[in-house]
Amino acid sequence: MSYAREDAQDRLVRVWFGHNVIASYRAEPGLAARYAAAMERRFTGLAVTNEPLTVVRDETGNHSSKDS
């Protein structure tokens, strides 16, 4: 099975407690940046990541979201 990768506009924001994700949020770039900033204020000392969301589409047109 072959897959074509497409870059999505959406971002994936996650709040990490060690190696565990305690919050996850998917949104367009502006909202994702606001959410990440709010989580950094609320959870001082925890890692907050804001990464592009990658969409993987197979040859049938079905797709799934994958974080990169």
N, C-alpha and C. Protein backbone atom coordinates (compact mmCIF):
# COMPACT_ATOMS: atom_id res chain seq x y z
N MET A 1 0.85 -1.16 0.00
CA MET A 1 0.00 0.00 0.00
C MET A 1 0.91 1.23 0.00
N SER A 2 0.62 2.16 -0.87
CA SER A 2 1.42 3.39 -0.93
C SER A 2 0.63 4.55 -0.34
N TYR A 3 1.35 5.48 0.23
CA TYR A 3 0.73 6.64 0.85
C TYR A 3 1.34 7.92 0.30
N ALA A 4 0.50 8.91 0.09
CA ALA A 4 0.96 10.25 -0.30
C ALA A 4 0.80 11.14 0.92
N ARG A 5 1.82 11.88 1.26
CA ARG A 5 1.76 12.77 2.42
C ARG A 5 1.31 14.15 1.99
N GLU A 6 0.42 14.73 2.75
CA GLU A 6 -0.04 16.09 2.52
C GLU A 6 0.17 16.87 3.81
N ASP A 7 0.60 18.09 3.70
CA ASP A 7 0.72 18.93 4.89
C ASP A 7 -0.63 19.58 5.15
N ALA A 8 -1.11 19.43 6.35
CA ALA A 8 -2.37 20.05 6.74
C ALA A 8 -2.10 21.42 7.34
N GLN A 9 -3.07 22.28 7.30
CA GLN A 9 -2.94 23.59 7.93
C GLN A 9 -3.05 23.48 9.45
N ASP A 10 -3.77 22.48 9.94
CA ASP A 10 -4.00 22.35 11.37
C ASP A 10 -2.70 22.07 12.12
N ARG A 11 -2.71 22.44 13.40
CA ARG A 11 -1.58 22.21 14.30
C ARG A 11 -2.05 21.30 15.43
N LEU A 12 -1.12 20.59 16.02
CA LEU A 12 -1.42 19.72 17.15
C LEU A 12 -0.63 20.24 18.35
N VAL A 13 -1.38 20.67 19.38
CA VAL A 13 -0.77 21.16 20.60
C VAL A 13 -0.93 20.08 21.67
N ARG A 14 0.17 19.76 22.34
CA ARG A 14 0.11 18.77 23.41
C ARG A 14 0.82 19.29 24.65
N VAL A 15 0.26 18.92 25.81
CA VAL A 15 0.87 19.22 27.10
C VAL A 15 1.40 17.90 27.65
N TRP A 16 2.68 17.92 28.04
CA TRP A 16 3.36 16.70 28.46
C TRP A 16 3.67 16.72 29.95
N PHE A 17 3.40 15.62 30.62
CA PHE A 17 3.83 15.38 31.99
C PHE A 17 4.81 14.22 31.91
N GLY A 18 6.08 14.55 31.81
CA GLY A 18 7.09 13.52 31.55
C GLY A 18 6.92 12.99 30.14
N HIS A 19 6.71 11.69 30.02
CA HIS A 19 6.50 11.07 28.71
C HIS A 19 5.01 10.90 28.38
N ASN A 20 4.14 11.41 29.23
CA ASN A 20 2.70 11.23 29.06
C ASN A 20 2.02 12.51 28.60
N VAL A 21 1.16 12.40 27.61
CA VAL A 21 0.37 13.53 27.14
C VAL A 21 -0.84 13.65 28.05
N ILE A 22 -1.01 14.84 28.66
CA ILE A 22 -2.16 15.05 29.54
C ILE A 22 -3.23 15.91 28.88
N ALA A 23 -2.89 16.58 27.77
CA ALA A 23 -3.87 17.37 27.03
C ALA A 23 -3.43 17.41 25.57
N SER A 24 -4.40 17.34 24.67
CA SER A 24 -4.12 17.38 23.24
C SER A 24 -5.20 18.21 22.57
N TYR A 25 -4.79 19.07 21.63
CA TYR A 25 -5.73 20.01 20.99
C TYR A 25 -5.31 20.20 19.54
N ARG A 26 -6.27 20.08 18.63
CA ARG A 26 -6.03 20.27 17.20
C ARG A 26 -6.80 21.49 16.74
N ALA A 27 -6.09 22.42 16.07
CA ALA A 27 -6.75 23.65 15.62
C ALA A 27 -5.95 24.31 14.51
N GLU A 28 -6.55 25.33 13.90
CA GLU A 28 -5.82 26.12 12.90
C GLU A 28 -4.70 26.89 13.61
N PRO A 29 -3.68 27.33 12.87
CA PRO A 29 -2.47 27.88 13.50
C PRO A 29 -2.68 28.99 14.54
N GLY A 30 -3.56 29.94 14.27
CA GLY A 30 -3.78 31.03 15.22
C GLY A 30 -4.36 30.56 16.54
N LEU A 31 -5.38 29.72 16.47
CA LEU A 31 -5.99 29.20 17.69
C LEU A 31 -5.04 28.27 18.43
N ALA A 32 -4.27 27.49 17.69
CA ALA A 32 -3.30 26.60 18.32
C ALA A 32 -2.25 27.38 19.09
N ALA A 33 -1.79 28.50 18.54
CA ALA A 33 -0.80 29.33 19.22
C ALA A 33 -1.38 29.92 20.50
N ARG A 34 -2.64 30.37 20.45
CA ARG A 34 -3.30 30.91 21.65
C ARG A 34 -3.47 29.84 22.72
N TYR A 35 -3.88 28.65 22.29
CA TYR A 35 -4.06 27.54 23.23
C TYR A 35 -2.73 27.16 23.87
N ALA A 36 -1.67 27.06 23.05
CA ALA A 36 -0.35 26.70 23.58
C ALA A 36 0.12 27.72 24.61
N ALA A 37 -0.07 29.01 24.32
CA ALA A 37 0.33 30.05 25.26
C ALA A 37 -0.46 29.93 26.56
N ALA A 38 -1.76 29.66 26.47
CA ALA A 38 -2.59 29.51 27.67
C ALA A 38 -2.16 28.29 28.49
N MET A 39 -1.82 27.20 27.83
CA MET A 39 -1.38 26.00 28.53
C MET A 39 -0.02 26.21 29.19
N GLU A 40 0.85 26.97 28.55
CA GLU A 40 2.16 27.28 29.15
C GLU A 40 1.98 28.10 30.43
N ARG A 41 1.01 29.02 30.42
CA ARG A 41 0.74 29.82 31.63
C ARG A 41 0.12 28.95 32.73
N ARG A 42 -0.80 28.09 32.34
CA ARG A 42 -1.52 27.26 33.32
C ARG A 42 -0.63 26.16 33.89
N PHE A 43 0.17 25.52 33.04
CA PHE A 43 0.99 24.39 33.46
C PHE A 43 2.47 24.77 33.42
N THR A 44 2.84 25.75 34.22
CA THR A 44 4.22 26.21 34.29
C THR A 44 5.12 25.03 34.65
N GLY A 45 6.18 24.85 33.88
CA GLY A 45 7.12 23.78 34.16
C GLY A 45 6.89 22.53 33.33
N LEU A 46 5.71 22.38 32.74
CA LEU A 46 5.46 21.23 31.87
C LEU A 46 5.78 21.60 30.43
N ALA A 47 6.18 20.61 29.65
CA ALA A 47 6.46 20.85 28.23
C ALA A 47 5.15 21.00 27.46
N VAL A 48 5.11 22.00 26.60
CA VAL A 48 3.98 22.22 25.70
C VAL A 48 4.54 22.26 24.28
N THR A 49 4.02 21.39 23.40
CA THR A 49 4.48 21.36 22.02
C THR A 49 3.37 21.82 21.09
N ASN A 50 3.76 22.48 20.01
CA ASN A 50 2.84 22.97 18.99
C ASN A 50 3.45 22.59 17.64
N GLU A 51 2.94 21.51 17.05
CA GLU A 51 3.54 20.93 15.85
C GLU A 51 2.54 20.89 14.70
N PRO A 52 3.05 20.90 13.46
CA PRO A 52 2.15 20.74 12.32
C PRO A 52 1.53 19.35 12.33
N LEU A 53 0.29 19.28 11.94
CA LEU A 53 -0.40 18.00 11.84
C LEU A 53 -0.25 17.50 10.42
N THR A 54 0.17 16.26 10.26
CA THR A 54 0.37 15.67 8.94
C THR A 54 -0.80 14.74 8.63
N VAL A 55 -1.34 14.85 7.44
CA VAL A 55 -2.41 13.98 7.00
C VAL A 55 -1.82 12.98 6.03
N VAL A 56 -2.09 11.70 6.27
CA VAL A 56 -1.63 10.64 5.39
C VAL A 56 -2.84 10.12 4.63
N ARG A 57 -2.74 10.12 3.30
CA ARG A 57 -3.86 9.69 2.45
C ARG A 57 -3.39 8.48 1.64
N ASP A 58 -4.17 7.39 1.68
CA ASP A 58 -3.80 6.21 0.89
C ASP A 58 -4.38 6.32 -0.52
N GLU A 59 -4.11 5.33 -1.34
CA GLU A 59 -4.52 5.42 -2.74
C GLU A 59 -6.03 5.40 -2.95
N THR A 60 -6.80 5.01 -1.94
CA THR A 60 -8.26 5.00 -2.06
C THR A 60 -8.87 6.34 -1.67
N GLY A 61 -8.04 7.26 -1.17
CA GLY A 61 -8.54 8.56 -0.77
C GLY A 61 -8.84 8.66 0.71
N ASN A 62 -8.77 7.53 1.41
CA ASN A 62 -8.97 7.56 2.87
C ASN A 62 -7.79 8.24 3.52
N HIS A 63 -8.04 8.93 4.59
CA HIS A 63 -6.94 9.63 5.25
C HIS A 63 -7.02 9.47 6.76
N SER A 64 -5.90 9.66 7.39
CA SER A 64 -5.83 9.65 8.84
C SER A 64 -4.85 10.73 9.26
N SER A 65 -5.04 11.24 10.45
CA SER A 65 -4.15 12.27 10.97
C SER A 65 -3.00 11.60 11.69
N LYS A 66 -1.83 12.06 11.42
CA LYS A 66 -0.63 11.56 12.09
C LYS A 66 0.16 12.74 12.57
N ASP A 67 0.63 12.68 13.80
CA ASP A 67 1.51 13.75 14.25
C ASP A 67 2.92 13.39 13.82
N SER A 68 3.71 14.43 13.52
CA SER A 68 5.07 14.17 13.02
C SER A 68 6.11 14.44 14.06
